[in-house]
Amino acid sequence: ALVPIANGSAEMETIVVVDILRRAHVDVVVASVERSKQIVACRGTKIIADKLIGDAAESNYDLIILP
């Protein structure tokens, strides 16, 4: 599953979805659409993505979730 995130993404929508999928043993890649892997979510929480979106685009995904 691919979860793209950007500055201003909602913390709960991102973290809860990723957590539930990972608990279900789904291979999840969180990808930043910004120039850096670190984004600042809507309430100021800093989130570090697994990859930049350009690097993540090299793979195929069964599911893309937009938080």
PDB file of N, CA and C in Angstrom:
ATOM      1  N   ALA A   1       0.845  -1.178   0.000  1.00  0.00           N
ATOM      2  CA  ALA A   1       0.000   0.000   0.000  1.00  0.00           C
ATOM      3  C   ALA A   1       0.886   1.234   0.000  1.00  0.00           C
ATOM      4  N   LEU A   2       0.495   2.215  -0.750  1.00  0.00           N
ATOM      5  CA  LEU A   2       1.209   3.487  -0.810  1.00  0.00           C
ATOM      6  C   LEU A   2       0.365   4.546  -0.118  1.00  0.00           C
ATOM      7  N   VAL A   3       1.006   5.293   0.797  1.00  0.00           N
ATOM      8  CA  VAL A   3       0.337   6.388   1.492  1.00  0.00           C
ATOM      9  C   VAL A   3       1.145   7.654   1.246  1.00  0.00           C
ATOM     10  N   PRO A   4       0.754   8.458   0.259  1.00  0.00           N
ATOM     11  CA  PRO A   4       1.459   9.718   0.013  1.00  0.00           C
ATOM     12  C   PRO A   4       1.065  10.755   1.067  1.00  0.00           C
ATOM     13  N   ILE A   5       2.050  11.521   1.539  1.00  0.00           N
ATOM     14  CA  ILE A   5       1.768  12.572   2.516  1.00  0.00           C
ATOM     15  C   ILE A   5       2.452  13.864   2.090  1.00  0.00           C
ATOM     16  N   ALA A   6       1.917  14.973   2.586  1.00  0.00           N
ATOM     17  CA  ALA A   6       2.456  16.296   2.268  1.00  0.00           C
ATOM     18  C   ALA A   6       2.363  17.163   3.511  1.00  0.00           C
ATOM     19  N   ASN A   7       3.040  18.295   3.489  1.00  0.00           N
ATOM     20  CA  ASN A   7       2.874  19.259   4.564  1.00  0.00           C
ATOM     21  C   ASN A   7       1.391  19.579   4.685  1.00  0.00           C
ATOM     22  N   GLY A   8       0.891  19.574   5.912  1.00  0.00           N
ATOM     23  CA  GLY A   8      -0.519  19.842   6.145  1.00  0.00           C
ATOM     24  C   GLY A   8      -1.401  18.608   6.188  1.00  0.00           C
ATOM     25  N   SER A   9      -0.826  17.424   5.934  1.00  0.00           N
ATOM     26  CA  SER A   9      -1.618  16.194   6.040  1.00  0.00           C
ATOM     27  C   SER A   9      -2.140  16.046   7.467  1.00  0.00           C
ATOM     28  N   ALA A  10      -3.271  15.392   7.615  1.00  0.00           N
ATOM     29  CA  ALA A  10      -3.855  15.169   8.939  1.00  0.00           C
ATOM     30  C   ALA A  10      -3.111  14.039   9.650  1.00  0.00           C
ATOM     31  N   GLU A  11      -2.638  14.317  10.866  1.00  0.00           N
ATOM     32  CA  GLU A  11      -1.881  13.325  11.627  1.00  0.00           C
ATOM     33  C   GLU A  11      -2.667  12.034  11.830  1.00  0.00           C
ATOM     34  N   MET A  12      -3.885  12.161  12.343  1.00  0.00           N
ATOM     35  CA  MET A  12      -4.680  10.979  12.667  1.00  0.00           C
ATOM     36  C   MET A  12      -5.008  10.160  11.423  1.00  0.00           C
ATOM     37  N   GLU A  13      -5.379  10.821  10.346  1.00  0.00           N
ATOM     38  CA  GLU A  13      -5.718  10.093   9.122  1.00  0.00           C
ATOM     39  C   GLU A  13      -4.514   9.340   8.581  1.00  0.00           C
ATOM     40  N   THR A  14      -3.336   9.881   8.772  1.00  0.00           N
ATOM     41  CA  THR A  14      -2.123   9.229   8.287  1.00  0.00           C
ATOM     42  C   THR A  14      -1.679   8.123   9.227  1.00  0.00           C
ATOM     43  N   ILE A  15      -1.438   8.459  10.486  1.00  0.00           N
ATOM     44  CA  ILE A  15      -0.849   7.519  11.439  1.00  0.00           C
ATOM     45  C   ILE A  15      -1.767   6.344  11.736  1.00  0.00           C
ATOM     46  N   VAL A  16      -3.053   6.593  11.939  1.00  0.00           N
ATOM     47  CA  VAL A  16      -3.975   5.504  12.272  1.00  0.00           C
ATOM     48  C   VAL A  16      -4.095   4.518  11.112  1.00  0.00           C
ATOM     49  N   VAL A  17      -4.230   5.023   9.908  1.00  0.00           N
ATOM     50  CA  VAL A  17      -4.342   4.137   8.735  1.00  0.00           C
ATOM     51  C   VAL A  17      -3.075   3.305   8.568  1.00  0.00           C
ATOM     52  N   VAL A  18      -1.921   3.941   8.657  1.00  0.00           N
ATOM     53  CA  VAL A  18      -0.651   3.217   8.506  1.00  0.00           C
ATOM     54  C   VAL A  18      -0.506   2.177   9.613  1.00  0.00           C
ATOM     55  N   ASP A  19      -0.832   2.537  10.844  1.00  0.00           N
ATOM     56  CA  ASP A  19      -0.723   1.613  11.972  1.00  0.00           C
ATOM     57  C   ASP A  19      -1.620   0.393  11.784  1.00  0.00           C
ATOM     58  N   ILE A  20      -2.870   0.608  11.417  1.00  0.00           N
ATOM     59  CA  ILE A  20      -3.798  -0.514  11.229  1.00  0.00           C
ATOM     60  C   ILE A  20      -3.324  -1.436  10.110  1.00  0.00           C
ATOM     61  N   LEU A  21      -2.894  -0.866   8.999  1.00  0.00           N
ATOM     62  CA  LEU A  21      -2.416  -1.697   7.890  1.00  0.00           C
ATOM     63  C   LEU A  21      -1.175  -2.488   8.277  1.00  0.00           C
ATOM     64  N   ARG A  22      -0.240  -1.860   8.981  1.00  0.00           N
ATOM     65  CA  ARG A  22       0.980  -2.571   9.386  1.00  0.00           C
ATOM     66  C   ARG A  22       0.670  -3.661  10.402  1.00  0.00           C
ATOM     67  N   ARG A  23      -0.284  -3.434  11.296  1.00  0.00           N
ATOM     68  CA  ARG A  23      -0.694  -4.481  12.246  1.00  0.00           C
ATOM     69  C   ARG A  23      -1.300  -5.672  11.502  1.00  0.00           C
ATOM     70  N   ALA A  24      -1.911  -5.406  10.346  1.00  0.00           N
ATOM     71  CA  ALA A  24      -2.498  -6.465   9.518  1.00  0.00           C
ATOM     72  C   ALA A  24      -1.459  -7.075   8.574  1.00  0.00           C
ATOM     73  N   HIS A  25      -0.190  -6.714   8.782  1.00  0.00           N
ATOM     74  CA  HIS A  25       0.933  -7.237   7.996  1.00  0.00           C
ATOM     75  C   HIS A  25       0.880  -6.839   6.522  1.00  0.00           C
ATOM     76  N   VAL A  26       0.309  -5.672   6.259  1.00  0.00           N
ATOM     77  CA  VAL A  26       0.317  -5.114   4.909  1.00  0.00           C
ATOM     78  C   VAL A  26       1.625  -4.347   4.745  1.00  0.00           C
ATOM     79  N   ASP A  27       2.276  -4.529   3.613  1.00  0.00           N
ATOM     80  CA  ASP A  27       3.501  -3.785   3.310  1.00  0.00           C
ATOM     81  C   ASP A  27       3.100  -2.360   2.939  1.00  0.00           C
ATOM     82  N   VAL A  28       3.432  -1.408   3.808  1.00  0.00           N
ATOM     83  CA  VAL A  28       3.022  -0.016   3.631  1.00  0.00           C
ATOM     84  C   VAL A  28       4.247   0.854   3.378  1.00  0.00           C
ATOM     85  N   VAL A  29       4.162   1.710   2.366  1.00  0.00           N
ATOM     86  CA  VAL A  29       5.196   2.703   2.094  1.00  0.00           C
ATOM     87  C   VAL A  29       4.564   4.076   2.243  1.00  0.00           C
ATOM     88  N   VAL A  30       5.102   4.857   3.184  1.00  0.00           N
ATOM     89  CA  VAL A  30       4.672   6.242   3.351  1.00  0.00           C
ATOM     90  C   VAL A  30       5.632   7.081   2.521  1.00  0.00           C
ATOM     91  N   ALA A  31       5.102   7.846   1.575  1.00  0.00           N
ATOM     92  CA  ALA A  31       5.941   8.601   0.641  1.00  0.00           C
ATOM     93  C   ALA A  31       5.621  10.091   0.710  1.00  0.00           C
ATOM     94  N   SER A  32       6.653  10.876   0.903  1.00  0.00           N
ATOM     95  CA  SER A  32       6.497  12.329   0.938  1.00  0.00           C
ATOM     96  C   SER A  32       6.432  12.886  -0.478  1.00  0.00           C
ATOM     97  N   VAL A  33       5.477  13.771  -0.709  1.00  0.00           N
ATOM     98  CA  VAL A  33       5.402  14.455  -2.000  1.00  0.00           C
ATOM     99  C   VAL A  33       6.168  15.776  -1.962  1.00  0.00           C
ATOM    100  N   GLU A  34       6.782  16.066  -0.816  1.00  0.00           N
ATOM    101  CA  GLU A  34       7.590  17.277  -0.663  1.00  0.00           C
ATOM    102  C   GLU A  34       9.028  16.987  -1.094  1.00  0.00           C
ATOM    103  N   ARG A  35       9.902  17.969  -1.003  1.00  0.00           N
ATOM    104  CA  ARG A  35      11.310  17.780  -1.375  1.00  0.00           C
ATOM    105  C   ARG A  35      12.097  17.012  -0.325  1.00  0.00           C
ATOM    106  N   SER A  36      11.541  16.895   0.866  1.00  0.00           N
ATOM    107  CA  SER A  36      12.179  16.213   1.987  1.00  0.00           C
ATOM    108  C   SER A  36      11.285  15.072   2.448  1.00  0.00           C
ATOM    109  N   LYS A  37      11.870  14.054   3.085  1.00  0.00           N
ATOM    110  CA  LYS A  37      11.062  12.978   3.639  1.00  0.00           C
ATOM    111  C   LYS A  37      10.295  13.435   4.878  1.00  0.00           C
ATOM    112  N   GLN A  38      10.753  14.510   5.516  1.00  0.00           N
ATOM    113  CA  GLN A  38      10.047  15.022   6.691  1.00  0.00           C
ATOM    114  C   GLN A  38       8.971  16.011   6.272  1.00  0.00           C
ATOM    115  N   ILE A  39       7.763  15.789   6.791  1.00  0.00           N
ATOM    116  CA  ILE A  39       6.678  16.749   6.558  1.00  0.00           C
ATOM    117  C   ILE A  39       6.198  17.265   7.909  1.00  0.00           C
ATOM    118  N   VAL A  40       5.523  18.391   7.888  1.00  0.00           N
ATOM    119  CA  VAL A  40       4.899  18.935   9.093  1.00  0.00           C
ATOM    120  C   VAL A  40       3.394  18.833   8.885  1.00  0.00           C
ATOM    121  N   ALA A  41       2.762  18.005   9.709  1.00  0.00           N
ATOM    122  CA  ALA A  41       1.328  17.761   9.570  1.00  0.00           C
ATOM    123  C   ALA A  41       0.521  18.973  10.040  1.00  0.00           C
ATOM    124  N   CYS A  42      -0.789  18.893   9.886  1.00  0.00           N
ATOM    125  CA  CYS A  42      -1.663  20.056  10.104  1.00  0.00           C
ATOM    126  C   CYS A  42      -1.627  20.608  11.520  1.00  0.00           C
ATOM    127  N   ARG A  43      -1.295  19.815  12.506  1.00  0.00           N
ATOM    128  CA  ARG A  43      -1.221  20.284  13.895  1.00  0.00           C
ATOM    129  C   ARG A  43       0.217  20.437  14.375  1.00  0.00           C
ATOM    130  N   GLY A  44       1.173  20.430  13.437  1.00  0.00           N
ATOM    131  CA  GLY A  44       2.565  20.676  13.777  1.00  0.00           C
ATOM    132  C   GLY A  44       3.401  19.444  14.057  1.00  0.00           C
ATOM    133  N   THR A  45       2.810  18.264  14.014  1.00  0.00           N
ATOM    134  CA  THR A  45       3.557  17.029  14.230  1.00  0.00           C
ATOM    135  C   THR A  45       4.456  16.760  13.036  1.00  0.00           C
ATOM    136  N   LYS A  46       5.714  16.420  13.315  1.00  0.00           N
ATOM    137  CA  LYS A  46       6.647  16.089  12.240  1.00  0.00           C
ATOM    138  C   LYS A  46       6.564  14.591  11.969  1.00  0.00           C
ATOM    139  N   ILE A  47       6.415  14.242  10.710  1.00  0.00           N
ATOM    140  CA  ILE A  47       6.335  12.844  10.288  1.00  0.00           C
ATOM    141  C   ILE A  47       7.438  12.602   9.271  1.00  0.00           C
ATOM    142  N   ILE A  48       8.161  11.501   9.450  1.00  0.00           N
ATOM    143  CA  ILE A  48       9.226  11.127   8.521  1.00  0.00           C
ATOM    144  C   ILE A  48       8.698  10.012   7.616  1.00  0.00           C
ATOM    145  N   ALA A  49       8.651  10.268   6.335  1.00  0.00           N
ATOM    146  CA  ALA A  49       8.196   9.272   5.361  1.00  0.00           C
ATOM    147  C   ALA A  49       9.280   8.219   5.135  1.00  0.00           C
ATOM    148  N   ASP A  50       8.866   7.093   4.597  1.00  0.00           N
ATOM    149  CA  ASP A  50       9.814   6.033   4.253  1.00  0.00           C
ATOM    150  C   ASP A  50      10.629   6.406   3.023  1.00  0.00           C
ATOM    151  N   LYS A  51       9.984   7.091   2.077  1.00  0.00           N
ATOM    152  CA  LYS A  51      10.619   7.424   0.797  1.00  0.00           C
ATOM    153  C   LYS A  51      10.069   8.747   0.279  1.00  0.00           C
ATOM    154  N   LEU A  52      10.740   9.287  -0.705  1.00  0.00           N
ATOM    155  CA  LEU A  52      10.184  10.388  -1.488  1.00  0.00           C
ATOM    156  C   LEU A  52       9.281   9.771  -2.551  1.00  0.00           C
ATOM    157  N   ILE A  53       8.287  10.507  -3.007  1.00  0.00           N
ATOM    158  CA  ILE A  53       7.310   9.962  -3.950  1.00  0.00           C
ATOM    159  C   ILE A  53       7.966   9.500  -5.254  1.00  0.00           C
ATOM    160  N   GLY A  54       9.000  10.188  -5.701  1.00  0.00           N
ATOM    161  CA  GLY A  54       9.690   9.781  -6.924  1.00  0.00           C
ATOM    162  C   GLY A  54      10.323   8.409  -6.801  1.00  0.00           C
ATOM    163  N   ASP A  55      10.881   8.112  -5.625  1.00  0.00           N
ATOM    164  CA  ASP A  55      11.476   6.794  -5.385  1.00  0.00           C
ATOM    165  C   ASP A  55      10.391   5.732  -5.230  1.00  0.00           C
ATOM    166  N   ALA A  56       9.289   6.097  -4.604  1.00  0.00           N
ATOM    167  CA  ALA A  56       8.194   5.147  -4.399  1.00  0.00           C
ATOM    168  C   ALA A  56       7.498   4.807  -5.711  1.00  0.00           C
ATOM    169  N   ALA A  57       7.537   5.715  -6.672  1.00  0.00           N
ATOM    170  CA  ALA A  57       6.853   5.510  -7.956  1.00  0.00           C
ATOM    171  C   ALA A  57       7.479   4.388  -8.776  1.00  0.00           C
ATOM    172  N   GLU A  58       8.655   3.936  -8.370  1.00  0.00           N
ATOM    173  CA  GLU A  58       9.323   2.854  -9.098  1.00  0.00           C
ATOM    174  C   GLU A  58       8.687   1.494  -8.823  1.00  0.00           C
ATOM    175  N   SER A  59       7.802   1.414  -7.836  1.00  0.00           N
ATOM    176  CA  SER A  59       7.172   0.150  -7.453  1.00  0.00           C
ATOM    177  C   SER A  59       5.697   0.148  -7.841  1.00  0.00           C
ATOM    178  N   ASN A  60       5.118  -1.053  -7.843  1.00  0.00           N
ATOM    179  CA  ASN A  60       3.682  -1.213  -8.081  1.00  0.00           C
ATOM    180  C   ASN A  60       2.981  -1.420  -6.745  1.00  0.00           C
ATOM    181  N   TYR A  61       1.765  -0.912  -6.612  1.00  0.00           N
ATOM    182  CA  TYR A  61       1.016  -1.017  -5.364  1.00  0.00           C
ATOM    183  C   TYR A  61      -0.382  -1.541  -5.647  1.00  0.00           C
ATOM    184  N   ASP A  62      -0.882  -2.375  -4.735  1.00  0.00           N
ATOM    185  CA  ASP A  62      -2.252  -2.873  -4.834  1.00  0.00           C
ATOM    186  C   ASP A  62      -3.253  -1.856  -4.316  1.00  0.00           C
ATOM    187  N   LEU A  63      -2.758  -0.916  -3.514  1.00  0.00           N
ATOM    188  CA  LEU A  63      -3.640   0.027  -2.847  1.00  0.00           C
ATOM    189  C   LEU A  63      -2.919   1.357  -2.676  1.00  0.00           C
ATOM    190  N   ILE A  64      -3.604   2.452  -2.951  1.00  0.00           N
ATOM    191  CA  ILE A  64      -3.082   3.796  -2.680  1.00  0.00           C
ATOM    192  C   ILE A  64      -4.110   4.487  -1.803  1.00  0.00           C
ATOM    193  N   ILE A  65      -3.658   4.959  -0.645  1.00  0.00           N
ATOM    194  CA  ILE A  65      -4.549   5.617   0.307  1.00  0.00           C
ATOM    195  C   ILE A  65      -4.139   7.073   0.422  1.00  0.00           C
ATOM    196  N   LEU A  66      -5.088   7.968   0.220  1.00  0.00           N
ATOM    197  CA  LEU A  66      -4.829   9.406   0.325  1.00  0.00           C
ATOM    198  C   LEU A  66      -5.441   9.923   1.619  1.00  0.00           C
ATOM    199  N   PRO A  67      -4.597  10.148   2.651  1.00  0.00           N
ATOM    200  CA  PRO A  67      -5.153  10.614   3.935  1.00  0.00           C
ATOM    201  C   PRO A  67      -5.624  12.061   3.860  1.00  0.00           C
TER     202      PRO A  67
END
